[in-house]
Amino acid sequence: KIFDNGWWRSGDQGVLDEDGYLYLQGRLDD
């Protein structure tokens, strides 16, 4: 469920801006 061809699915909700900064919006299950 959480590993997919080298990728880890975090379950976290977030946004990447145009400069590559990541902003977390909280847990999907929260």
Full PDB file with SEQRES, HELIX, SHEET, SSBOND, CRYST1, ORIGX, SCALE, CONECT and MASTER records, all heavy atoms in Angstrom:
SEQRES   1 A   30  LYS ILE PHE ASP ASN GLY TRP TRP ARG SER GLY ASP GLN          
SEQRES   2 A   30  GLY VAL LEU ASP GLU ASP GLY TYR LEU TYR LEU GLN GLY          
SEQRES   3 A   30  ARG LEU ASP ASP                                              
SHEET    1 AA1 2 PHE A   3  ASP A   4  0                                        
SHEET    2 AA1 2 TRP A   7  TRP A   8 -1                                        
SHEET    1 AA2 2 ASP A  12  LEU A  16  0                                        
SHEET    2 AA2 2 LEU A  22  ARG A  27 -1                                        
CRYST1    1.000    1.000    1.000  90.00  90.00  90.00 P 1           1          
ORIGX1      1.000000  0.000000  0.000000        0.00000                         
ORIGX2      0.000000  1.000000  0.000000        0.00000                         
ORIGX3      0.000000  0.000000  1.000000        0.00000                         
SCALE1      1.000000  0.000000  0.000000        0.00000                         
SCALE2      0.000000  1.000000  0.000000        0.00000                         
SCALE3      0.000000  0.000000  1.000000        0.00000                         
ATOM      1  N   LYS A   1       0.812  -1.217   0.000  1.00  0.00           N  
ATOM      2  CA  LYS A   1       0.000   0.000   0.000  1.00  0.00           C  
ATOM      3  C   LYS A   1       0.848   1.270   0.000  1.00  0.00           C  
ATOM      4  O   LYS A   1       0.423   2.304  -0.517  1.00  0.00           O  
ATOM      5  CB  LYS A   1      -0.923   0.013   1.226  1.00  0.00           C  
ATOM      6  CG  LYS A   1      -2.024  -1.034   1.187  1.00  0.00           C  
ATOM      7  CD  LYS A   1      -2.875  -0.943   2.452  1.00  0.00           C  
ATOM      8  CE  LYS A   1      -3.982  -1.986   2.445  1.00  0.00           C  
ATOM      9  NZ  LYS A   1      -4.796  -1.920   3.700  1.00  0.00           N  
ATOM     10  N   ILE A   2       2.037   1.201   0.605  1.00  0.00           N  
ATOM     11  CA  ILE A   2       2.811   2.433   0.765  1.00  0.00           C  
ATOM     12  C   ILE A   2       4.072   2.495  -0.082  1.00  0.00           C  
ATOM     13  O   ILE A   2       4.630   3.584  -0.262  1.00  0.00           O  
ATOM     14  CB  ILE A   2       3.166   2.673   2.242  1.00  0.00           C  
ATOM     15  CG1 ILE A   2       4.048   1.547   2.797  1.00  0.00           C  
ATOM     16  CG2 ILE A   2       1.923   2.829   3.084  1.00  0.00           C  
ATOM     17  CD1 ILE A   2       4.550   1.828   4.206  1.00  0.00           C  
ATOM     18  N   PHE A   3       4.533   1.362  -0.621  1.00  0.00           N  
ATOM     19  CA  PHE A   3       5.699   1.368  -1.497  1.00  0.00           C  
ATOM     20  C   PHE A   3       5.286   1.004  -2.912  1.00  0.00           C  
ATOM     21  O   PHE A   3       4.559   0.029  -3.124  1.00  0.00           O  
ATOM     22  CB  PHE A   3       6.766   0.384  -1.003  1.00  0.00           C  
ATOM     23  CG  PHE A   3       7.312   0.708   0.357  1.00  0.00           C  
ATOM     24  CD1 PHE A   3       7.248  -0.206   1.389  1.00  0.00           C  
ATOM     25  CD2 PHE A   3       7.889   1.941   0.613  1.00  0.00           C  
ATOM     26  CE1 PHE A   3       7.743   0.083   2.646  1.00  0.00           C  
ATOM     27  CE2 PHE A   3       8.380   2.252   1.876  1.00  0.00           C  
ATOM     28  CZ  PHE A   3       8.319   1.321   2.888  1.00  0.00           C  
ATOM     29  N   ASP A   4       5.745   1.787  -3.884  1.00  0.00           N  
ATOM     30  CA  ASP A   4       5.320   1.600  -5.266  1.00  0.00           C  
ATOM     31  C   ASP A   4       6.478   1.910  -6.199  1.00  0.00           C  
ATOM     32  O   ASP A   4       6.760   3.074  -6.506  1.00  0.00           O  
ATOM     33  CB  ASP A   4       4.123   2.514  -5.577  1.00  0.00           C  
ATOM     34  CG  ASP A   4       3.510   2.249  -6.940  1.00  0.00           C  
ATOM     35  OD1 ASP A   4       4.129   1.552  -7.768  1.00  0.00           O  
ATOM     36  OD2 ASP A   4       2.400   2.752  -7.194  1.00  0.00           O  
ATOM     37  N   ASN A   5       7.189   0.870  -6.628  1.00  0.00           N  
ATOM     38  CA  ASN A   5       8.272   1.016  -7.598  1.00  0.00           C  
ATOM     39  C   ASN A   5       9.290   2.074  -7.161  1.00  0.00           C  
ATOM     40  O   ASN A   5       9.706   2.940  -7.929  1.00  0.00           O  
ATOM     41  CB  ASN A   5       7.700   1.382  -8.978  1.00  0.00           C  
ATOM     42  CG  ASN A   5       8.720   1.207 -10.084  1.00  0.00           C  
ATOM     43  OD1 ASN A   5       9.629   0.357  -9.996  1.00  0.00           O  
ATOM     44  ND2 ASN A   5       8.608   2.010 -11.127  1.00  0.00           N  
ATOM     45  N   GLY A   6       9.703   1.969  -5.903  1.00  0.00           N  
ATOM     46  CA  GLY A   6      10.702   2.895  -5.373  1.00  0.00           C  
ATOM     47  C   GLY A   6      10.125   4.123  -4.696  1.00  0.00           C  
ATOM     48  O   GLY A   6      10.845   4.851  -4.012  1.00  0.00           O  
ATOM     49  N   TRP A   7       8.837   4.364  -4.889  1.00  0.00           N  
ATOM     50  CA  TRP A   7       8.188   5.521  -4.283  1.00  0.00           C  
ATOM     51  C   TRP A   7       7.527   5.134  -2.969  1.00  0.00           C  
ATOM     52  O   TRP A   7       6.973   4.050  -2.834  1.00  0.00           O  
ATOM     53  CB  TRP A   7       7.130   6.094  -5.218  1.00  0.00           C  
ATOM     54  CG  TRP A   7       7.699   6.753  -6.430  1.00  0.00           C  
ATOM     55  CD1 TRP A   7       7.885   6.189  -7.665  1.00  0.00           C  
ATOM     56  CD2 TRP A   7       8.178   8.097  -6.535  1.00  0.00           C  
ATOM     57  NE1 TRP A   7       8.441   7.084  -8.520  1.00  0.00           N  
ATOM     58  CE2 TRP A   7       8.632   8.278  -7.860  1.00  0.00           C  
ATOM     59  CE3 TRP A   7       8.258   9.176  -5.642  1.00  0.00           C  
ATOM     60  CZ2 TRP A   7       9.167   9.478  -8.304  1.00  0.00           C  
ATOM     61  CZ3 TRP A   7       8.794  10.368  -6.087  1.00  0.00           C  
ATOM     62  CH2 TRP A   7       9.235  10.514  -7.402  1.00  0.00           C  
ATOM     63  N   TRP A   8       7.568   6.057  -2.016  1.00  0.00           N  
ATOM     64  CA  TRP A   8       6.875   5.898  -0.739  1.00  0.00           C  
ATOM     65  C   TRP A   8       5.679   6.835  -0.712  1.00  0.00           C  
ATOM     66  O   TRP A   8       5.813   8.046  -0.911  1.00  0.00           O  
ATOM     67  CB  TRP A   8       7.806   6.228   0.420  1.00  0.00           C  
ATOM     68  CG  TRP A   8       7.129   6.362   1.753  1.00  0.00           C  
ATOM     69  CD1 TRP A   8       6.554   5.375   2.484  1.00  0.00           C  
ATOM     70  CD2 TRP A   8       6.962   7.570   2.511  1.00  0.00           C  
ATOM     71  NE1 TRP A   8       6.043   5.880   3.653  1.00  0.00           N  
ATOM     72  CE2 TRP A   8       6.271   7.225   3.694  1.00  0.00           C  
ATOM     73  CE3 TRP A   8       7.341   8.900   2.304  1.00  0.00           C  
ATOM     74  CZ2 TRP A   8       5.951   8.165   4.669  1.00  0.00           C  
ATOM     75  CZ3 TRP A   8       7.014   9.834   3.262  1.00  0.00           C  
ATOM     76  CH2 TRP A   8       6.333   9.473   4.431  1.00  0.00           C  
ATOM     77  N   ARG A   9       4.498   6.258  -0.481  1.00  0.00           N  
ATOM     78  CA  ARG A   9       3.274   7.049  -0.375  1.00  0.00           C  
ATOM     79  C   ARG A   9       3.122   7.490   1.082  1.00  0.00           C  
ATOM     80  O   ARG A   9       2.904   6.665   1.965  1.00  0.00           O  
ATOM     81  CB  ARG A   9       2.067   6.221  -0.814  1.00  0.00           C  
ATOM     82  CG  ARG A   9       2.113   5.786  -2.282  1.00  0.00           C  
ATOM     83  CD  ARG A   9       0.940   4.892  -2.618  1.00  0.00           C  
ATOM     84  NE  ARG A   9       0.956   4.438  -4.000  1.00  0.00           N  
ATOM     85  CZ  ARG A   9       0.356   5.063  -5.014  1.00  0.00           C  
ATOM     86  NH1 ARG A   9      -0.332   6.172  -4.763  1.00  0.00           N  
ATOM     87  NH2 ARG A   9       0.416   4.588  -6.232  1.00  0.00           N  
ATOM     88  N   SER A  10       3.207   8.764   1.316  1.00  0.00           N  
ATOM     89  CA  SER A  10       3.305   9.272   2.681  1.00  0.00           C  
ATOM     90  C   SER A  10       1.992   9.267   3.449  1.00  0.00           C  
ATOM     91  O   SER A  10       1.994   9.165   4.675  1.00  0.00           O  
ATOM     92  CB  SER A  10       3.840  10.708   2.655  1.00  0.00           C  
ATOM     93  OG  SER A  10       2.866  11.586   2.107  1.00  0.00           O  
ATOM     94  N   GLY A  11       0.858   9.431   2.747  1.00  0.00           N  
ATOM     95  CA  GLY A  11      -0.400   9.642   3.445  1.00  0.00           C  
ATOM     96  C   GLY A  11      -0.542  11.070   3.936  1.00  0.00           C  
ATOM     97  O   GLY A  11      -1.543  11.419   4.568  1.00  0.00           O  
ATOM     98  N   ASP A  12       0.450  11.908   3.635  1.00  0.00           N  
ATOM     99  CA  ASP A  12       0.393  13.328   3.985  1.00  0.00           C  
ATOM    100  C   ASP A  12      -0.132  14.126   2.799  1.00  0.00           C  
ATOM    101  O   ASP A  12       0.166  13.824   1.640  1.00  0.00           O  
ATOM    102  CB  ASP A  12       1.778  13.856   4.363  1.00  0.00           C  
ATOM    103  CG  ASP A  12       2.237  13.361   5.712  1.00  0.00           C  
ATOM    104  OD1 ASP A  12       1.377  13.088   6.560  1.00  0.00           O  
ATOM    105  OD2 ASP A  12       3.460  13.244   5.918  1.00  0.00           O  
ATOM    106  N   GLN A  13      -0.863  15.148   3.103  1.00  0.00           N  
ATOM    107  CA  GLN A  13      -1.390  16.035   2.077  1.00  0.00           C  
ATOM    108  C   GLN A  13      -0.517  17.279   2.017  1.00  0.00           C  
ATOM    109  O   GLN A  13      -0.153  17.847   3.054  1.00  0.00           O  
ATOM    110  CB  GLN A  13      -2.836  16.411   2.404  1.00  0.00           C  
ATOM    111  CG  GLN A  13      -3.565  17.095   1.266  1.00  0.00           C  
ATOM    112  CD  GLN A  13      -5.070  16.915   1.395  1.00  0.00           C  
ATOM    113  OE1 GLN A  13      -5.532  15.813   1.682  1.00  0.00           O  
ATOM    114  NE2 GLN A  13      -5.811  17.970   1.176  1.00  0.00           N  
ATOM    115  N   GLY A  14      -0.151  17.700   0.795  1.00  0.00           N  
ATOM    116  CA  GLY A  14       0.741  18.839   0.685  1.00  0.00           C  
ATOM    117  C   GLY A  14       0.710  19.509  -0.668  1.00  0.00           C  
ATOM    118  O   GLY A  14       0.008  19.088  -1.588  1.00  0.00           O  
ATOM    119  N   VAL A  15       1.518  20.566  -0.776  1.00  0.00           N  
ATOM    120  CA  VAL A  15       1.626  21.370  -1.989  1.00  0.00           C  
ATOM    121  C   VAL A  15       3.096  21.659  -2.233  1.00  0.00           C  
ATOM    122  O   VAL A  15       3.834  21.989  -1.303  1.00  0.00           O  
ATOM    123  CB  VAL A  15       0.863  22.706  -1.835  1.00  0.00           C  
ATOM    124  CG1 VAL A  15       1.115  23.609  -3.034  1.00  0.00           C  
ATOM    125  CG2 VAL A  15      -0.628  22.465  -1.662  1.00  0.00           C  
ATOM    126  N   LEU A  16       3.527  21.543  -3.490  1.00  0.00           N  
ATOM    127  CA  LEU A  16       4.858  21.996  -3.901  1.00  0.00           C  
ATOM    128  C   LEU A  16       4.698  23.313  -4.652  1.00  0.00           C  
ATOM    129  O   LEU A  16       3.876  23.405  -5.574  1.00  0.00           O  
ATOM    130  CB  LEU A  16       5.525  20.974  -4.823  1.00  0.00           C  
ATOM    131  CG  LEU A  16       6.266  19.800  -4.204  1.00  0.00           C  
ATOM    132  CD1 LEU A  16       6.692  18.817  -5.284  1.00  0.00           C  
ATOM    133  CD2 LEU A  16       7.497  20.266  -3.431  1.00  0.00           C  
ATOM    134  N   ASP A  17       5.467  24.329  -4.271  1.00  0.00           N  
ATOM    135  CA  ASP A  17       5.376  25.576  -5.028  1.00  0.00           C  
ATOM    136  C   ASP A  17       6.335  25.535  -6.221  1.00  0.00           C  
ATOM    137  O   ASP A  17       7.040  24.545  -6.449  1.00  0.00           O  
ATOM    138  CB  ASP A  17       5.616  26.788  -4.130  1.00  0.00           C  
ATOM    139  CG  ASP A  17       7.057  26.921  -3.630  1.00  0.00           C  
ATOM    140  OD1 ASP A  17       7.960  26.234  -4.156  1.00  0.00           O  
ATOM    141  OD2 ASP A  17       7.275  27.725  -2.705  1.00  0.00           O  
ATOM    142  N   GLU A  18       6.363  26.594  -6.993  1.00  0.00           N  
ATOM    143  CA  GLU A  18       7.161  26.619  -8.219  1.00  0.00           C  
ATOM    144  C   GLU A  18       8.655  26.553  -7.949  1.00  0.00           C  
ATOM    145  O   GLU A  18       9.431  26.188  -8.832  1.00  0.00           O  
ATOM    146  CB  GLU A  18       6.818  27.872  -9.020  1.00  0.00           C  
ATOM    147  CG  GLU A  18       5.389  27.862  -9.576  1.00  0.00           C  
ATOM    148  CD  GLU A  18       5.086  29.080 -10.412  1.00  0.00           C  
ATOM    149  OE1 GLU A  18       5.931  30.009 -10.442  1.00  0.00           O  
ATOM    150  OE2 GLU A  18       4.003  29.113 -11.037  1.00  0.00           O  
ATOM    151  N   ASP A  19       9.076  26.894  -6.727  1.00  0.00           N  
ATOM    152  CA  ASP A  19      10.500  26.850  -6.369  1.00  0.00           C  
ATOM    153  C   ASP A  19      10.897  25.533  -5.722  1.00  0.00           C  
ATOM    154  O   ASP A  19      12.047  25.366  -5.313  1.00  0.00           O  
ATOM    155  CB  ASP A  19      10.838  28.008  -5.427  1.00  0.00           C  
ATOM    156  CG  ASP A  19      10.642  29.367  -6.084  1.00  0.00           C  
ATOM    157  OD1 ASP A  19      10.993  29.499  -7.274  1.00  0.00           O  
ATOM    158  OD2 ASP A  19      10.119  30.280  -5.422  1.00  0.00           O  
ATOM    159  N   GLY A  20       9.933  24.599  -5.605  1.00  0.00           N  
ATOM    160  CA  GLY A  20      10.238  23.301  -5.036  1.00  0.00           C  
ATOM    161  C   GLY A  20      10.088  23.195  -3.545  1.00  0.00           C  
ATOM    162  O   GLY A  20      10.438  22.169  -2.947  1.00  0.00           O  
ATOM    163  N   TYR A  21       9.553  24.233  -2.895  1.00  0.00           N  
ATOM    164  CA  TYR A  21       9.314  24.164  -1.458  1.00  0.00           C  
ATOM    165  C   TYR A  21       8.029  23.382  -1.185  1.00  0.00           C  
ATOM    166  O   TYR A  21       7.006  23.601  -1.852  1.00  0.00           O  
ATOM    167  CB  TYR A  21       9.188  25.565  -0.855  1.00  0.00           C  
ATOM    168  CG  TYR A  21      10.502  26.293  -0.722  1.00  0.00           C  
ATOM    169  CD1 TYR A  21      10.929  27.187  -1.701  1.00  0.00           C  
ATOM    170  CD2 TYR A  21      11.319  26.082   0.391  1.00  0.00           C  
ATOM    171  CE1 TYR A  21      12.140  27.863  -1.580  1.00  0.00           C  
ATOM    172  CE2 TYR A  21      12.531  26.747   0.523  1.00  0.00           C  
ATOM    173  CZ  TYR A  21      12.935  27.638  -0.463  1.00  0.00           C  
ATOM    174  OH  TYR A  21      14.132  28.293  -0.344  1.00  0.00           O  
ATOM    175  N   LEU A  22       8.097  22.475  -0.214  1.00  0.00           N  
ATOM    176  CA  LEU A  22       6.957  21.642   0.125  1.00  0.00           C  
ATOM    177  C   LEU A  22       6.236  22.213   1.346  1.00  0.00           C  
ATOM    178  O   LEU A  22       6.859  22.553   2.351  1.00  0.00           O  
ATOM    179  CB  LEU A  22       7.426  20.217   0.437  1.00  0.00           C  
ATOM    180  CG  LEU A  22       6.357  19.219   0.894  1.00  0.00           C  
ATOM    181  CD1 LEU A  22       5.317  18.980  -0.190  1.00  0.00           C  
ATOM    182  CD2 LEU A  22       7.005  17.891   1.304  1.00  0.00           C  
ATOM    183  N   TYR A  23       4.908  22.280   1.241  1.00  0.00           N  
ATOM    184  CA  TYR A  23       4.068  22.747   2.339  1.00  0.00           C  
ATOM    185  C   TYR A  23       3.092  21.633   2.694  1.00  0.00           C  
ATOM    186  O   TYR A  23       2.342  21.168   1.840  1.00  0.00           O  
ATOM    187  CB  TYR A  23       3.291  24.004   1.937  1.00  0.00           C  
ATOM    188  CG  TYR A  23       4.181  25.186   1.624  1.00  0.00           C  
ATOM    189  CD1 TYR A  23       4.775  25.307   0.371  1.00  0.00           C  
ATOM    190  CD2 TYR A  23       4.435  26.157   2.582  1.00  0.00           C  
ATOM    191  CE1 TYR A  23       5.610  26.378   0.078  1.00  0.00           C  
ATOM    192  CE2 TYR A  23       5.262  27.236   2.300  1.00  0.00           C  
ATOM    193  CZ  TYR A  23       5.848  27.345   1.040  1.00  0.00           C  
ATOM    194  OH  TYR A  23       6.666  28.403   0.764  1.00  0.00           O  
ATOM    195  N   LEU A  24       3.110  21.206   3.954  1.00  0.00           N  
ATOM    196  CA  LEU A  24       2.215  20.145   4.399  1.00  0.00           C  
ATOM    197  C   LEU A  24       0.883  20.723   4.848  1.00  0.00           C  
ATOM    198  O   LEU A  24       0.832  21.758   5.515  1.00  0.00           O  
ATOM    199  CB  LEU A  24       2.851  19.359   5.548  1.00  0.00           C  
ATOM    200  CG  LEU A  24       4.154  18.613   5.213  1.00  0.00           C  
ATOM    201  CD1 LEU A  24       4.651  17.888   6.455  1.00  0.00           C  
ATOM    202  CD2 LEU A  24       3.961  17.639   4.064  1.00  0.00           C  
ATOM    203  N   GLN A  25      -0.191  20.029   4.487  1.00  0.00           N  
ATOM    204  CA  GLN A  25      -1.533  20.464   4.846  1.00  0.00           C  
ATOM    205  C   GLN A  25      -2.161  19.549   5.902  1.00  0.00           C  
ATOM    206  O   GLN A  25      -3.296  19.758   6.303  1.00  0.00           O  
ATOM    207  CB  GLN A  25      -2.428  20.478   3.595  1.00  0.00           C  
ATOM    208  CG  GLN A  25      -1.834  21.238   2.425  1.00  0.00           C  
ATOM    209  CD  GLN A  25      -1.658  22.714   2.724  1.00  0.00           C  
ATOM    210  OE1 GLN A  25      -2.506  23.329   3.348  1.00  0.00           O  
ATOM    211  NE2 GLN A  25      -0.551  23.295   2.276  1.00  0.00           N  
ATOM    212  N   GLY A  26      -1.428  18.523   6.321  1.00  0.00           N  
ATOM    213  CA  GLY A  26      -1.939  17.604   7.333  1.00  0.00           C  
ATOM    214  C   GLY A  26      -2.008  16.180   6.800  1.00  0.00           C  
ATOM    215  O   GLY A  26      -1.721  15.913   5.639  1.00  0.00           O  
ATOM    216  N   ARG A  27      -2.361  15.268   7.677  1.00  0.00           N  
ATOM    217  CA  ARG A  27      -2.526  13.872   7.293  1.00  0.00           C  
ATOM    218  C   ARG A  27      -3.845  13.673   6.575  1.00  0.00           C  
ATOM    219  O   ARG A  27      -4.874  14.242   6.954  1.00  0.00           O  
ATOM    220  CB  ARG A  27      -2.502  12.984   8.542  1.00  0.00           C  
ATOM    221  CG  ARG A  27      -1.146  12.844   9.190  1.00  0.00           C  
ATOM    222  CD  ARG A  27      -0.212  11.997   8.396  1.00  0.00           C  
ATOM    223  NE  ARG A  27      -0.730  10.648   8.177  1.00  0.00           N  
ATOM    224  CZ  ARG A  27      -0.142   9.767   7.376  1.00  0.00           C  
ATOM    225  NH1 ARG A  27       0.922  10.091   6.688  1.00  0.00           N  
ATOM    226  NH2 ARG A  27      -0.662   8.558   7.243  1.00  0.00           N  
ATOM    227  N   LEU A  28      -3.833  12.864   5.544  1.00  0.00           N  
ATOM    228  CA  LEU A  28      -5.079  12.540   4.859  1.00  0.00           C  
ATOM    229  C   LEU A  28      -6.047  11.852   5.815  1.00  0.00           C  
ATOM    230  O   LEU A  28      -7.250  12.091   5.777  1.00  0.00           O  
ATOM    231  CB  LEU A  28      -4.796  11.636   3.648  1.00  0.00           C  
ATOM    232  CG  LEU A  28      -4.037  12.305   2.497  1.00  0.00           C  
ATOM    233  CD1 LEU A  28      -3.569  11.255   1.505  1.00  0.00           C  
ATOM    234  CD2 LEU A  28      -4.903  13.337   1.796  1.00  0.00           C  
ATOM    235  N   ASP A  29      -5.518  11.008   6.710  1.00  0.00           N  
ATOM    236  CA  ASP A  29      -6.400  10.312   7.640  1.00  0.00           C  
ATOM    237  C   ASP A  29      -6.674  11.115   8.906  1.00  0.00           C  
ATOM    238  O   ASP A  29      -7.368  10.663   9.792  1.00  0.00           O  
ATOM    239  CB  ASP A  29      -5.852   8.925   7.998  1.00  0.00           C  
ATOM    240  CG  ASP A  29      -4.416   8.963   8.495  1.00  0.00           C  
ATOM    241  OD1 ASP A  29      -3.891  10.073   8.711  1.00  0.00           O  
ATOM    242  OD2 ASP A  29      -3.824   7.901   8.673  1.00  0.00           O  
ATOM    243  N   ASP A  30      -6.136  12.347   9.013  1.00  0.00           N  
ATOM    244  CA  ASP A  30      -6.496  13.258  10.099  1.00  0.00           C  
ATOM    245  C   ASP A  30      -7.641  14.170   9.681  1.00  0.00           C  
ATOM    246  O   ASP A  30      -8.109  14.988  10.472  1.00  0.00           O  
ATOM    247  CB  ASP A  30      -5.303  14.154  10.484  1.00  0.00           C  
ATOM    248  CG  ASP A  30      -4.249  13.400  11.282  1.00  0.00           C  
ATOM    249  OD1 ASP A  30      -4.555  12.306  11.791  1.00  0.00           O  
ATOM    250  OD2 ASP A  30      -3.124  13.907  11.373  1.00  0.00           O  
TER     251      ASP A  30                                                      
MASTER        0    0    0    0    4    0    0    6  250    1    0    3          
END                                                                             
